[in-house]
N, C-alpha and C. Protein backbone atom coordinates (compact mmCIF):
# COMPACT_ATOMS: atom_id res chain seq x y z
N MET A 1 12.79 -32.47 -41.26
CA MET A 1 12.16 -31.34 -40.68
C MET A 1 11.34 -31.65 -39.49
N LEU A 2 11.47 -30.93 -38.53
CA LEU A 2 10.63 -31.32 -37.42
C LEU A 2 9.24 -30.61 -37.40
N SER A 3 8.31 -31.52 -36.98
CA SER A 3 6.91 -31.11 -36.90
C SER A 3 6.77 -30.15 -35.72
N GLN A 4 5.62 -29.56 -35.64
CA GLN A 4 5.46 -28.74 -34.38
C GLN A 4 5.54 -29.65 -33.02
N SER A 5 4.85 -30.73 -33.17
CA SER A 5 4.92 -31.55 -32.00
C SER A 5 6.34 -31.91 -31.58
N GLU A 6 7.02 -32.31 -32.63
CA GLU A 6 8.65 -32.60 -32.39
C GLU A 6 9.28 -31.43 -31.75
N ALA A 7 8.92 -30.20 -32.38
CA ALA A 7 9.58 -29.01 -31.74
C ALA A 7 9.32 -28.94 -30.31
N HIS A 8 8.05 -29.16 -29.88
CA HIS A 8 7.66 -28.87 -28.56
C HIS A 8 8.51 -29.95 -27.74
N HIS A 9 8.66 -31.14 -28.10
CA HIS A 9 9.42 -32.17 -27.32
C HIS A 9 10.93 -31.82 -27.32
N ALA A 10 11.46 -31.28 -28.37
CA ALA A 10 12.84 -30.58 -28.42
C ALA A 10 13.00 -29.39 -27.43
N ALA A 11 12.04 -28.61 -27.46
CA ALA A 11 12.12 -27.50 -26.52
C ALA A 11 11.97 -27.91 -25.16
N GLN A 12 11.20 -28.73 -24.69
CA GLN A 12 11.08 -29.26 -23.34
C GLN A 12 12.30 -30.01 -23.02
N ARG A 13 12.85 -30.73 -23.77
CA ARG A 13 14.17 -31.50 -23.35
C ARG A 13 15.20 -30.46 -23.11
N PHE A 14 15.37 -29.51 -24.02
CA PHE A 14 16.27 -28.32 -23.93
C PHE A 14 16.00 -27.61 -22.56
N LEU A 15 14.94 -27.23 -22.34
CA LEU A 15 14.58 -26.31 -21.07
C LEU A 15 14.65 -27.21 -19.94
N ASP A 16 14.39 -28.46 -19.92
CA ASP A 16 14.64 -29.40 -18.70
C ASP A 16 16.14 -29.25 -18.31
N GLY A 17 16.98 -29.31 -19.31
CA GLY A 17 18.35 -29.31 -19.12
C GLY A 17 18.79 -27.93 -18.54
N VAL A 18 18.40 -26.86 -19.21
CA VAL A 18 18.68 -25.45 -18.76
C VAL A 18 18.18 -25.17 -17.31
N TYR A 19 17.13 -25.54 -17.08
CA TYR A 19 16.54 -25.31 -15.64
C TYR A 19 16.50 -26.35 -14.75
N ALA A 20 17.43 -27.42 -14.83
CA ALA A 20 17.25 -28.45 -14.01
C ALA A 20 17.67 -28.22 -12.65
N ASP A 21 18.46 -27.18 -12.31
CA ASP A 21 18.83 -26.87 -10.86
C ASP A 21 18.07 -25.71 -10.42
N ASP A 22 17.06 -25.21 -11.00
CA ASP A 22 16.18 -24.14 -10.72
C ASP A 22 15.07 -24.62 -9.92
N PRO A 23 14.47 -23.86 -8.93
CA PRO A 23 13.34 -24.22 -8.22
C PRO A 23 11.94 -23.88 -8.90
N ILE A 24 12.10 -23.74 -10.24
CA ILE A 24 10.73 -23.42 -10.90
C ILE A 24 10.40 -24.62 -11.83
N THR A 25 9.12 -24.68 -12.15
CA THR A 25 8.59 -25.72 -13.10
C THR A 25 8.31 -25.10 -14.34
N ILE A 26 9.05 -25.47 -15.39
CA ILE A 26 8.86 -24.98 -16.78
C ILE A 26 7.70 -25.52 -17.49
N VAL A 27 6.76 -24.83 -17.99
CA VAL A 27 5.64 -25.18 -18.78
C VAL A 27 5.65 -24.65 -20.02
N LEU A 28 5.55 -25.35 -21.24
CA LEU A 28 5.22 -24.85 -22.54
C LEU A 28 3.92 -24.22 -22.75
N GLU A 29 3.93 -23.27 -23.61
CA GLU A 29 2.61 -22.61 -24.09
C GLU A 29 2.54 -22.85 -25.52
N PRO A 30 2.04 -24.11 -25.90
CA PRO A 30 1.82 -24.61 -27.18
C PRO A 30 1.06 -23.77 -28.17
N GLY A 31 0.11 -23.12 -27.64
CA GLY A 31 -0.74 -22.39 -28.34
C GLY A 31 -0.16 -21.07 -28.92
N LEU A 32 1.06 -20.69 -28.38
CA LEU A 32 1.91 -19.51 -28.84
C LEU A 32 2.93 -19.79 -29.80
N THR A 33 3.08 -21.10 -30.11
CA THR A 33 4.03 -21.55 -30.99
C THR A 33 3.96 -20.92 -32.37
N GLU A 34 5.13 -20.39 -32.93
CA GLU A 34 4.93 -19.70 -34.26
C GLU A 34 5.82 -20.67 -35.18
N GLU A 35 5.56 -20.82 -36.45
CA GLU A 35 6.33 -21.42 -37.45
C GLU A 35 7.06 -20.36 -38.32
N TYR A 36 8.32 -20.47 -38.58
CA TYR A 36 9.10 -19.86 -39.62
C TYR A 36 9.67 -20.86 -40.66
N PRO A 37 10.24 -20.35 -41.88
CA PRO A 37 10.67 -21.35 -42.72
C PRO A 37 11.73 -22.18 -42.37
N TRP A 38 12.48 -21.87 -41.39
CA TRP A 38 13.67 -22.65 -40.92
C TRP A 38 13.45 -23.15 -39.41
N ALA A 39 12.64 -22.70 -38.73
CA ALA A 39 12.53 -23.03 -37.20
C ALA A 39 11.10 -22.67 -36.62
N TRP A 40 10.93 -23.19 -35.44
CA TRP A 40 9.78 -23.13 -34.68
C TRP A 40 10.20 -22.14 -33.46
N THR A 41 9.37 -21.17 -33.17
CA THR A 41 9.51 -20.39 -31.78
C THR A 41 8.50 -21.04 -30.91
N VAL A 42 9.03 -21.33 -29.77
CA VAL A 42 8.24 -22.10 -28.70
C VAL A 42 8.14 -21.15 -27.48
N ARG A 43 7.00 -20.70 -26.97
CA ARG A 43 6.90 -19.93 -25.86
C ARG A 43 6.82 -20.91 -24.64
N PHE A 44 7.24 -20.44 -23.51
CA PHE A 44 7.20 -21.15 -22.22
C PHE A 44 7.24 -20.12 -21.15
N ASP A 45 6.86 -20.66 -19.95
CA ASP A 45 6.85 -19.71 -18.82
C ASP A 45 6.97 -20.79 -17.56
N SER A 46 7.02 -20.21 -16.42
CA SER A 46 7.13 -21.14 -15.06
C SER A 46 5.72 -21.30 -14.62
N GLN A 47 5.46 -22.42 -14.15
CA GLN A 47 4.15 -22.68 -13.51
C GLN A 47 3.86 -21.66 -12.46
N GLU A 48 5.00 -21.48 -11.61
CA GLU A 48 4.88 -20.48 -10.44
C GLU A 48 4.51 -19.11 -10.95
N HIS A 49 4.99 -18.67 -12.03
CA HIS A 49 4.71 -17.28 -12.54
C HIS A 49 3.21 -17.24 -13.01
N THR A 50 2.82 -18.29 -13.89
CA THR A 50 1.52 -18.59 -14.33
C THR A 50 0.48 -18.51 -13.17
N ASP A 51 0.74 -19.15 -12.12
CA ASP A 51 -0.19 -19.35 -10.91
C ASP A 51 -0.30 -18.01 -10.11
N THR A 52 0.82 -17.26 -10.01
CA THR A 52 0.82 -16.11 -9.08
C THR A 52 0.81 -14.85 -9.75
N GLY A 53 1.40 -14.74 -11.01
CA GLY A 53 1.46 -13.65 -11.62
C GLY A 53 2.73 -12.73 -11.14
N ASP A 54 3.44 -13.36 -10.23
CA ASP A 54 4.66 -12.63 -9.71
C ASP A 54 5.72 -12.73 -10.73
N SER A 55 6.26 -11.65 -11.37
CA SER A 55 7.12 -11.58 -12.55
C SER A 55 8.62 -12.13 -11.82
N ALA A 56 8.91 -12.10 -10.66
CA ALA A 56 10.08 -12.47 -9.95
C ALA A 56 10.20 -14.08 -10.24
N LYS A 57 9.16 -14.70 -10.42
CA LYS A 57 9.10 -16.20 -10.58
C LYS A 57 8.96 -16.60 -12.17
N ALA A 58 9.06 -15.52 -13.00
CA ALA A 58 9.18 -15.90 -14.46
C ALA A 58 10.57 -16.06 -14.96
N PRO A 59 10.76 -16.90 -15.96
CA PRO A 59 12.11 -17.02 -16.68
C PRO A 59 12.41 -15.66 -17.26
N PHE A 60 13.73 -15.22 -17.28
CA PHE A 60 14.05 -13.97 -17.87
C PHE A 60 13.65 -14.06 -19.46
N THR A 61 14.05 -15.04 -20.08
CA THR A 61 13.62 -15.20 -21.45
C THR A 61 12.51 -16.47 -21.54
N ARG A 62 11.51 -16.15 -22.36
CA ARG A 62 10.39 -17.10 -22.28
C ARG A 62 10.00 -17.60 -23.70
N VAL A 63 11.07 -17.61 -24.51
CA VAL A 63 10.93 -18.05 -25.93
C VAL A 63 12.22 -18.89 -26.28
N VAL A 64 12.08 -20.04 -26.96
CA VAL A 64 13.25 -20.83 -27.51
C VAL A 64 12.93 -21.03 -28.82
N ILE A 65 14.10 -21.02 -29.72
CA ILE A 65 14.08 -21.24 -31.10
C ILE A 65 14.47 -22.63 -31.23
N VAL A 66 13.67 -23.40 -32.08
CA VAL A 66 13.95 -24.74 -32.43
C VAL A 66 14.13 -24.97 -33.91
N PRO A 67 15.29 -25.18 -34.33
CA PRO A 67 15.53 -25.28 -35.75
C PRO A 67 14.86 -26.50 -36.25
N LYS A 68 14.36 -26.47 -37.52
CA LYS A 68 13.53 -27.55 -38.02
C LYS A 68 14.38 -28.70 -38.40
N THR A 69 15.81 -28.29 -38.62
CA THR A 69 16.71 -29.43 -38.99
C THR A 69 17.12 -30.34 -37.87
N GLY A 70 16.71 -30.13 -36.61
CA GLY A 70 16.86 -31.05 -35.46
C GLY A 70 18.03 -30.50 -34.82
N GLU A 71 18.77 -29.45 -35.22
CA GLU A 71 19.88 -28.93 -34.38
C GLU A 71 19.41 -28.42 -33.02
N VAL A 72 20.43 -28.21 -32.09
CA VAL A 72 20.00 -27.95 -30.78
C VAL A 72 19.22 -26.67 -30.67
N PRO A 73 18.10 -26.50 -29.91
CA PRO A 73 17.45 -25.24 -29.71
C PRO A 73 18.37 -24.36 -28.91
N PHE A 74 17.92 -23.02 -29.01
CA PHE A 74 18.73 -21.98 -28.43
C PHE A 74 17.86 -20.77 -28.10
N PHE A 75 18.22 -19.99 -27.26
CA PHE A 75 17.55 -18.81 -26.93
C PHE A 75 17.88 -17.60 -27.84
N PRO A 76 16.83 -16.78 -28.09
CA PRO A 76 17.11 -15.79 -29.13
C PRO A 76 17.88 -14.60 -28.39
N PRO A 77 18.51 -13.57 -29.18
CA PRO A 77 19.23 -12.51 -28.48
C PRO A 77 18.06 -11.72 -27.71
N THR A 78 18.53 -11.12 -26.58
CA THR A 78 17.58 -10.53 -25.73
C THR A 78 17.52 -8.99 -26.07
N GLY A 79 16.63 -8.19 -25.65
CA GLY A 79 16.44 -6.77 -25.95
C GLY A 79 15.89 -6.34 -27.21
N MET A 80 15.11 -7.21 -27.86
CA MET A 80 14.51 -6.98 -29.16
C MET A 80 12.97 -6.69 -28.93
N THR A 81 12.67 -5.80 -29.73
CA THR A 81 11.15 -5.58 -29.77
C THR A 81 10.47 -6.71 -30.52
N THR A 82 9.31 -6.88 -30.60
CA THR A 82 8.50 -8.09 -31.31
C THR A 82 8.85 -7.98 -32.73
N GLU A 83 8.80 -6.75 -33.28
CA GLU A 83 9.19 -6.59 -34.66
C GLU A 83 10.49 -6.92 -35.05
N GLU A 84 11.54 -6.58 -34.25
CA GLU A 84 12.83 -6.85 -34.39
C GLU A 84 13.27 -8.28 -34.31
N PHE A 85 12.52 -8.91 -33.35
CA PHE A 85 12.61 -10.42 -33.25
C PHE A 85 12.06 -11.23 -34.43
N ASP A 86 10.91 -10.82 -34.81
CA ASP A 86 10.30 -11.27 -36.17
C ASP A 86 11.18 -11.25 -37.31
N ALA A 87 11.76 -10.09 -37.50
CA ALA A 87 12.71 -9.78 -38.68
C ALA A 87 13.98 -10.58 -38.46
N TYR A 88 14.44 -10.74 -37.28
CA TYR A 88 15.53 -11.54 -37.07
C TYR A 88 15.38 -13.09 -37.41
N VAL A 89 14.22 -13.55 -36.81
CA VAL A 89 13.86 -15.04 -37.12
C VAL A 89 13.63 -15.36 -38.60
N SER A 90 12.93 -14.38 -39.17
CA SER A 90 12.59 -14.45 -40.69
C SER A 90 13.82 -14.40 -41.49
N SER A 91 14.91 -13.67 -41.16
CA SER A 91 16.00 -13.44 -41.95
C SER A 91 17.01 -14.49 -42.05
N ILE A 92 17.03 -15.24 -41.05
CA ILE A 92 18.18 -16.28 -40.90
C ILE A 92 17.92 -17.49 -41.84
N LYS A 93 18.90 -17.94 -42.49
CA LYS A 93 18.86 -18.87 -43.48
C LYS A 93 19.41 -20.21 -42.78
N PRO A 94 18.65 -21.24 -43.08
CA PRO A 94 19.15 -22.52 -42.34
C PRO A 94 20.48 -23.18 -43.23
N ALA A 95 21.23 -23.62 -42.44
CA ALA A 95 22.53 -24.29 -42.95
C ALA A 95 22.17 -25.76 -43.30
N ILE A 96 21.69 -25.96 -44.48
CA ILE A 96 21.14 -27.36 -44.75
C ILE A 96 22.25 -28.05 -45.75
């Protein structure tokens, strides 16, 4: 099972690959990481959005789900409220 620190490293590796060709600099927001029974949710943003507040410089999705089993991180479905997202993440059972 991945620790929070390991989840941050996995998220960064995943995001570095996803945004390899983009002109933005991805930064993790480790203080906003949440733990669920089977995964970590790791928040991130672009340095450019953080510095300027310009939403055009922000990633469309700013959270990545990192399974504690070490499986590949992934983005959550979009278009959910915070409550719907919490229910979604809480309801998934790991394939162990």
